[in-house]
N, C-alpha and C. Protein backbone atom coordinates (compact mmCIF):
# COMPACT_ATOMS: atom_id res chain seq x y z
N MET A 1 30.51 -146.41 -103.27
CA MET A 1 31.39 -147.07 -104.43
C MET A 1 32.52 -146.83 -104.41
N ALA A 2 33.55 -147.73 -104.34
CA ALA A 2 34.97 -147.52 -104.61
C ALA A 2 35.43 -147.26 -105.94
N ARG A 3 36.03 -146.32 -106.36
CA ARG A 3 36.34 -145.96 -107.55
C ARG A 3 37.56 -146.91 -108.02
N VAL A 4 37.41 -147.36 -109.13
CA VAL A 4 38.55 -148.28 -109.99
C VAL A 4 39.49 -147.61 -110.35
N PRO A 5 40.51 -147.71 -110.00
CA PRO A 5 41.89 -146.81 -110.60
C PRO A 5 42.23 -147.32 -112.02
N ALA A 6 42.49 -146.30 -112.79
CA ALA A 6 42.86 -146.50 -114.21
C ALA A 6 44.12 -147.48 -114.53
N PRO A 7 44.13 -148.27 -115.55
CA PRO A 7 45.54 -149.07 -115.76
C PRO A 7 46.56 -148.00 -116.05
N LYS A 8 47.68 -148.23 -115.36
CA LYS A 8 48.73 -147.38 -115.49
C LYS A 8 49.16 -147.22 -116.82
N SER A 9 49.08 -148.25 -117.82
CA SER A 9 49.65 -147.94 -119.33
C SER A 9 48.72 -146.89 -119.98
N LEU A 10 47.64 -146.45 -119.58
CA LEU A 10 46.75 -145.50 -120.25
C LEU A 10 47.31 -144.15 -120.30
N GLU A 11 47.11 -143.56 -121.36
CA GLU A 11 47.58 -142.20 -121.54
C GLU A 11 46.58 -141.04 -120.89
N ALA A 12 46.74 -139.83 -121.22
CA ALA A 12 45.85 -138.91 -120.54
C ALA A 12 44.52 -138.84 -121.07
N ALA A 13 44.18 -139.01 -122.34
CA ALA A 13 42.75 -139.27 -122.77
C ALA A 13 42.41 -140.21 -122.28
N GLY A 14 42.80 -141.60 -122.42
CA GLY A 14 42.08 -142.92 -121.75
C GLY A 14 41.80 -142.83 -120.31
N LYS A 15 43.04 -142.11 -119.55
CA LYS A 15 42.84 -141.99 -117.98
C LYS A 15 41.52 -141.02 -117.78
N ALA A 16 41.34 -140.02 -118.61
CA ALA A 16 40.27 -139.08 -118.52
C ALA A 16 38.94 -139.87 -118.62
N LEU A 17 39.00 -140.53 -119.61
CA LEU A 17 37.78 -141.22 -120.08
C LEU A 17 37.44 -142.46 -119.04
N TRP A 18 38.47 -143.13 -118.63
CA TRP A 18 38.16 -144.20 -117.61
C TRP A 18 37.67 -143.35 -116.32
N GLY A 19 38.16 -142.34 -115.93
CA GLY A 19 37.76 -141.73 -114.72
C GLY A 19 36.40 -141.20 -114.77
N LYS A 20 35.97 -140.78 -115.97
CA LYS A 20 34.31 -140.32 -116.13
C LYS A 20 33.54 -141.62 -115.85
N VAL A 21 33.86 -142.55 -116.75
CA VAL A 21 33.02 -143.65 -116.80
C VAL A 21 32.85 -144.20 -115.37
N THR A 22 34.01 -144.69 -114.72
CA THR A 22 34.12 -145.59 -113.49
C THR A 22 33.79 -144.82 -112.26
N GLY A 23 33.50 -143.29 -112.45
CA GLY A 23 33.13 -142.34 -111.41
C GLY A 23 31.45 -142.52 -111.53
N ALA A 24 30.83 -142.68 -112.73
CA ALA A 24 29.39 -142.78 -112.66
C ALA A 24 28.80 -144.08 -112.84
N TYR A 25 29.55 -145.24 -112.95
CA TYR A 25 29.13 -146.42 -113.10
C TYR A 25 29.77 -147.42 -112.28
N GLU A 26 28.94 -148.29 -111.98
CA GLU A 26 29.62 -149.51 -111.36
C GLU A 26 29.94 -150.83 -112.47
N LEU A 27 31.16 -151.15 -112.81
CA LEU A 27 31.11 -152.15 -113.93
C LEU A 27 31.66 -153.37 -113.33
N ARG A 28 31.24 -154.47 -114.15
CA ARG A 28 31.84 -156.14 -113.75
C ARG A 28 33.13 -155.89 -114.25
N PRO A 29 33.75 -156.93 -113.92
CA PRO A 29 35.01 -157.11 -114.61
C PRO A 29 35.40 -157.13 -116.07
N ASP A 30 34.20 -157.99 -116.65
CA ASP A 30 34.29 -158.06 -118.28
C ASP A 30 33.89 -156.51 -118.73
N GLU A 31 33.15 -155.97 -118.17
CA GLU A 31 32.91 -154.51 -118.58
C GLU A 31 33.95 -153.59 -118.51
N LEU A 32 34.65 -153.78 -117.28
CA LEU A 32 36.07 -152.95 -117.06
C LEU A 32 36.91 -153.25 -118.33
N ALA A 33 37.20 -154.55 -118.69
CA ALA A 33 38.14 -154.86 -119.71
C ALA A 33 37.57 -154.09 -120.89
N THR A 34 36.50 -154.22 -121.20
CA THR A 34 35.88 -153.54 -122.53
C THR A 34 36.23 -151.79 -122.39
N LEU A 35 35.99 -151.22 -121.13
CA LEU A 35 36.09 -150.15 -121.03
C LEU A 35 37.66 -149.59 -121.40
N GLU A 36 38.56 -150.61 -120.81
CA GLU A 36 40.17 -150.61 -121.03
C GLU A 36 40.19 -150.19 -122.39
N ASP A 37 39.64 -151.19 -123.23
CA ASP A 37 39.83 -151.21 -124.82
C ASP A 37 39.63 -149.95 -125.29
N ALA A 38 38.32 -149.44 -124.78
CA ALA A 38 37.94 -148.18 -125.44
C ALA A 38 38.77 -146.91 -124.81
N CYS A 39 39.20 -147.26 -123.87
CA CYS A 39 40.32 -146.21 -123.47
C CYS A 39 41.41 -146.25 -124.10
N ARG A 40 42.09 -147.33 -124.45
CA ARG A 40 43.05 -147.50 -125.21
C ARG A 40 42.90 -146.73 -126.70
N ILE A 41 41.95 -147.11 -127.22
CA ILE A 41 41.32 -146.65 -128.54
C ILE A 41 41.31 -145.06 -128.41
N THR A 42 40.92 -144.60 -127.46
CA THR A 42 40.77 -143.17 -127.14
C THR A 42 42.15 -142.55 -126.96
N ASP A 43 43.33 -143.18 -126.53
CA ASP A 43 44.57 -142.90 -126.58
C ASP A 43 45.20 -142.84 -127.84
N ALA A 44 44.85 -143.99 -128.72
CA ALA A 44 45.13 -143.92 -130.04
C ALA A 44 44.73 -142.84 -130.99
N ILE A 45 43.24 -142.75 -130.84
CA ILE A 45 42.72 -141.31 -131.37
C ILE A 45 43.55 -140.17 -131.16
N ALA A 46 43.71 -139.81 -129.82
CA ALA A 46 44.38 -138.66 -129.67
C ALA A 46 45.84 -138.65 -130.19
N ALA A 47 46.60 -139.68 -130.24
CA ALA A 47 47.92 -139.80 -130.67
C ALA A 47 47.66 -139.40 -132.39
N ILE A 48 46.72 -140.16 -133.12
CA ILE A 48 46.75 -139.84 -134.46
C ILE A 48 46.24 -138.50 -134.70
N GLU A 49 45.24 -137.89 -133.97
CA GLU A 49 44.72 -136.54 -134.01
C GLU A 49 46.04 -135.30 -133.90
N ARG A 50 46.92 -135.73 -132.89
CA ARG A 50 47.96 -134.93 -132.70
C ARG A 50 49.34 -135.04 -133.89
N ALA A 51 49.23 -136.19 -134.40
CA ALA A 51 50.16 -136.37 -135.57
C ALA A 51 49.68 -135.81 -136.64
N TRP A 52 48.25 -135.77 -136.86
CA TRP A 52 47.73 -135.40 -137.97
C TRP A 52 47.94 -133.79 -138.03
N SER A 53 47.73 -133.06 -136.74
CA SER A 53 47.55 -131.67 -136.50
C SER A 53 49.14 -131.19 -136.76
N ASP A 54 49.98 -132.15 -136.36
CA ASP A 54 51.48 -131.71 -136.56
C ASP A 54 51.74 -131.62 -138.18
N ASP A 55 51.16 -132.54 -138.92
CA ASP A 55 51.44 -132.45 -140.29
C ASP A 55 50.29 -131.57 -140.96
N GLY A 56 49.68 -130.56 -140.30
CA GLY A 56 48.80 -129.58 -140.89
C GLY A 56 47.47 -129.93 -141.11
N ARG A 57 47.02 -131.18 -140.76
CA ARG A 57 45.72 -131.72 -141.07
C ARG A 57 45.10 -131.87 -142.57
N PRO A 58 46.10 -132.30 -143.28
CA PRO A 58 45.87 -132.33 -144.77
C PRO A 58 44.82 -133.42 -144.78
N MET A 59 43.94 -133.08 -145.88
CA MET A 59 42.89 -134.21 -146.21
C MET A 59 43.22 -135.33 -147.35
N THR A 60 43.92 -134.79 -148.15
CA THR A 60 44.62 -135.66 -148.83
C THR A 60 46.24 -135.77 -149.18
N THR A 61 46.69 -136.59 -149.64
CA THR A 61 48.15 -136.68 -150.02
C THR A 61 48.46 -137.61 -151.43
N ARG A 62 49.44 -137.40 -151.68
CA ARG A 62 49.91 -138.12 -153.00
C ARG A 62 50.06 -139.76 -152.88
N GLY A 63 49.41 -140.37 -153.50
CA GLY A 63 49.85 -141.93 -153.46
C GLY A 63 51.06 -142.31 -154.16
N SER A 64 51.33 -143.60 -154.44
CA SER A 64 52.44 -144.16 -154.90
C SER A 64 52.82 -143.96 -156.42
N MET A 65 51.59 -143.47 -157.14
CA MET A 65 51.69 -143.24 -158.45
C MET A 65 51.45 -141.81 -158.70
N GLY A 66 51.67 -140.93 -157.65
CA GLY A 66 51.44 -139.30 -158.01
C GLY A 66 49.87 -139.22 -157.77
N GLN A 67 49.09 -140.12 -157.71
CA GLN A 67 47.73 -139.52 -157.72
C GLN A 67 47.30 -139.06 -156.32
N LEU A 68 46.28 -138.21 -156.23
CA LEU A 68 45.57 -137.45 -154.87
C LEU A 68 44.80 -138.63 -154.46
N VAL A 69 45.25 -138.85 -153.34
CA VAL A 69 44.31 -139.96 -152.23
C VAL A 69 44.13 -139.22 -150.91
N MET A 70 43.02 -139.82 -150.24
CA MET A 70 42.65 -139.49 -148.89
C MET A 70 43.90 -139.70 -148.29
N HIS A 71 44.20 -138.67 -147.13
CA HIS A 71 45.25 -138.90 -146.25
C HIS A 71 44.99 -140.15 -145.37
N PRO A 72 46.14 -140.81 -144.91
CA PRO A 72 45.84 -142.16 -144.22
C PRO A 72 45.43 -141.65 -142.61
N PHE A 73 45.73 -140.68 -142.20
CA PHE A 73 45.30 -140.35 -140.74
C PHE A 73 43.68 -140.36 -140.73
N VAL A 74 43.10 -139.68 -141.86
CA VAL A 74 41.54 -139.29 -141.80
C VAL A 74 40.79 -140.83 -141.81
N GLY A 75 41.24 -141.81 -142.74
CA GLY A 75 40.73 -143.06 -142.71
C GLY A 75 41.13 -143.80 -141.39
N GLU A 76 42.27 -143.80 -140.74
CA GLU A 76 42.36 -144.35 -139.69
C GLU A 76 41.64 -143.88 -138.46
N LEU A 77 41.53 -142.68 -138.36
CA LEU A 77 40.80 -142.05 -137.34
C LEU A 77 39.20 -142.42 -137.53
N ARG A 78 38.90 -142.58 -138.76
CA ARG A 78 37.21 -143.18 -138.75
C ARG A 78 37.23 -144.79 -138.35
N VAL A 79 38.21 -145.42 -138.62
CA VAL A 79 38.42 -146.82 -138.22
C VAL A 79 38.37 -146.89 -136.91
N GLN A 80 39.21 -146.20 -136.10
CA GLN A 80 39.42 -145.96 -134.60
C GLN A 80 38.25 -145.80 -133.86
N ARG A 81 37.45 -144.62 -134.59
CA ARG A 81 36.32 -144.38 -133.91
C ARG A 81 35.16 -145.27 -134.18
N MET A 82 35.13 -146.07 -135.05
CA MET A 82 34.11 -147.06 -135.39
C MET A 82 34.29 -148.26 -134.40
N ALA A 83 35.65 -148.57 -134.08
CA ALA A 83 36.08 -149.57 -133.02
C ALA A 83 35.43 -149.15 -131.60
N ARG A 84 35.85 -148.14 -131.61
CA ARG A 84 35.50 -147.54 -130.06
C ARG A 84 33.78 -147.31 -129.85
N ASN A 85 33.29 -146.95 -130.88
CA ASN A 85 31.67 -146.98 -130.99
C ASN A 85 31.17 -148.37 -130.68
N ALA A 86 31.82 -149.35 -131.26
CA ALA A 86 31.29 -150.67 -131.33
C ALA A 86 31.45 -151.21 -129.90
N LEU A 87 32.54 -150.68 -129.10
CA LEU A 87 32.71 -151.07 -127.72
C LEU A 87 31.62 -150.34 -126.74
N TRP A 88 31.41 -149.14 -127.16
CA TRP A 88 30.48 -148.32 -126.50
C TRP A 88 29.11 -149.15 -126.56
N ARG A 89 28.70 -149.64 -127.49
CA ARG A 89 27.39 -150.30 -127.71
C ARG A 89 27.51 -151.60 -126.99
N GLN A 90 28.70 -152.17 -126.95
CA GLN A 90 28.76 -153.32 -126.11
C GLN A 90 28.84 -153.14 -124.43
N LEU A 91 29.00 -152.12 -124.05
CA LEU A 91 28.96 -151.63 -122.66
C LEU A 91 27.32 -151.32 -122.37
N ARG A 92 26.69 -150.88 -123.22
CA ARG A 92 25.32 -150.48 -122.98
C ARG A 92 25.12 -149.45 -121.71
N LEU A 93 25.85 -148.46 -121.82
CA LEU A 93 25.60 -147.41 -120.53
C LEU A 93 24.45 -146.67 -121.04
N PRO A 94 23.69 -146.29 -119.87
CA PRO A 94 22.69 -145.52 -120.04
C PRO A 94 23.14 -143.86 -120.46
N ASP A 95 22.08 -143.08 -121.09
CA ASP A 95 22.47 -141.79 -121.34
C ASP A 95 22.45 -141.13 -120.23
N ASP A 96 21.93 -141.31 -119.16
CA ASP A 96 22.13 -140.42 -117.83
C ASP A 96 22.96 -140.92 -117.16
N ALA A 97 23.87 -140.20 -116.90
CA ALA A 97 24.87 -140.63 -115.91
C ALA A 97 25.04 -139.81 -114.73
N GLY A 98 23.70 -139.27 -114.30
CA GLY A 98 23.63 -138.66 -112.98
C GLY A 98 23.87 -139.22 -111.78
N VAL A 99 23.40 -140.54 -111.88
CA VAL A 99 23.74 -141.16 -110.49
C VAL A 99 24.54 -142.49 -110.94
N VAL A 100 25.23 -143.13 -109.94
CA VAL A 100 25.91 -144.23 -109.98
C VAL A 100 25.01 -145.49 -110.28
N VAL A 101 25.01 -146.26 -111.29
CA VAL A 101 24.02 -147.31 -111.57
C VAL A 101 24.83 -148.51 -111.92
N PRO A 102 24.64 -149.39 -111.03
CA PRO A 102 25.09 -150.77 -111.31
C PRO A 102 24.65 -151.34 -112.55
N ASN A 103 25.37 -151.85 -113.20
CA ASN A 103 24.82 -152.47 -114.46
C ASN A 103 23.77 -153.62 -114.25
N GLN A 104 23.70 -154.39 -113.18
CA GLN A 104 22.76 -155.24 -113.05
C GLN A 104 21.63 -154.89 -112.60
N ALA A 105 21.58 -153.45 -112.05
CA ALA A 105 20.25 -152.79 -111.94
C ALA A 105 19.74 -152.24 -113.18
N ARG A 106 20.68 -151.69 -113.91
CA ARG A 106 20.17 -151.18 -115.23
C ARG A 106 19.52 -152.24 -116.11
N ASP A 107 20.30 -153.44 -116.22
CA ASP A 107 19.81 -154.46 -116.98
C ASP A 107 18.31 -154.97 -116.52
N ALA A 108 18.32 -154.99 -115.26
CA ALA A 108 16.98 -155.60 -114.48
C ALA A 108 15.95 -154.47 -114.99
N ALA A 109 16.13 -152.97 -114.51
CA ALA A 109 15.28 -152.03 -115.19
C ALA A 109 14.99 -152.10 -116.68
N LYS A 110 15.91 -152.19 -117.36
CA LYS A 110 15.50 -152.49 -118.94
C LYS A 110 14.68 -153.53 -119.25
N ALA A 111 15.06 -154.79 -118.46
CA ALA A 111 14.13 -155.86 -119.00
C ALA A 111 12.62 -155.85 -118.47
N SER A 112 12.70 -155.14 -117.18
CA SER A 112 11.28 -154.93 -116.56
C SER A 112 10.46 -153.96 -117.40
N TRP A 113 11.20 -153.08 -117.85
CA TRP A 113 10.36 -151.80 -118.77
C TRP A 113 9.94 -152.47 -119.95
N GLN A 114 10.94 -153.21 -120.82
CA GLN A 114 10.59 -153.59 -122.10
C GLN A 114 9.29 -154.48 -122.36
N PRO A 115 8.97 -155.48 -121.44
CA PRO A 115 7.85 -156.21 -121.72
C PRO A 115 6.52 -155.12 -121.47
N THR A 116 6.57 -154.34 -120.50
CA THR A 116 5.44 -153.43 -120.26
C THR A 116 5.30 -152.45 -121.51
N ALA A 117 6.50 -152.05 -122.02
CA ALA A 117 6.37 -151.16 -123.13
C ALA A 117 5.71 -151.81 -124.32
N ALA A 118 6.10 -153.06 -124.56
CA ALA A 118 5.48 -154.31 -125.67
C ALA A 118 4.12 -154.09 -125.34
N ARG A 119 3.58 -154.72 -124.03
CA ARG A 119 2.30 -154.72 -123.98
C ARG A 119 1.44 -153.27 -124.38
N ARG A 120 2.03 -152.06 -124.01
CA ARG A 120 1.31 -150.93 -124.17
C ARG A 120 1.25 -150.60 -125.89
N ARG A 121 2.12 -151.18 -126.54
CA ARG A 121 1.96 -151.11 -127.90
C ARG A 121 1.06 -152.22 -128.67
N GLY A 122 0.57 -153.05 -127.72
CA GLY A 122 -0.12 -154.22 -128.24
C GLY A 122 0.61 -155.39 -128.87
N ALA A 123 1.73 -155.49 -128.48
CA ALA A 123 2.57 -156.71 -128.96
C ALA A 123 2.41 -157.72 -128.26
């Protein structure tokens, strides 16, 4: 399998993730686009975490009326991680990355297994 080079616009965290995934799986063009989005979000998460760390990693800050509120970085990290998790679910990569697995083969194996499992359960 030829390794797909990472998009040049990715930063360190995104490039590392790209390399891990493309080194273990053969992805279709639409899946590569989804992976690229996940890598960009990974870069955004890394940037937010750096900024939050530089700020002392506060959990709260003062709001416009002086009230104590959750620090915006905390909420934004949560949002970005949820977005990345949605992309992971969309990719449907298997848990075992020990071998290179083309997605078509993975989908065929999954489809052939599911009816058999349903028959065993009496469905």
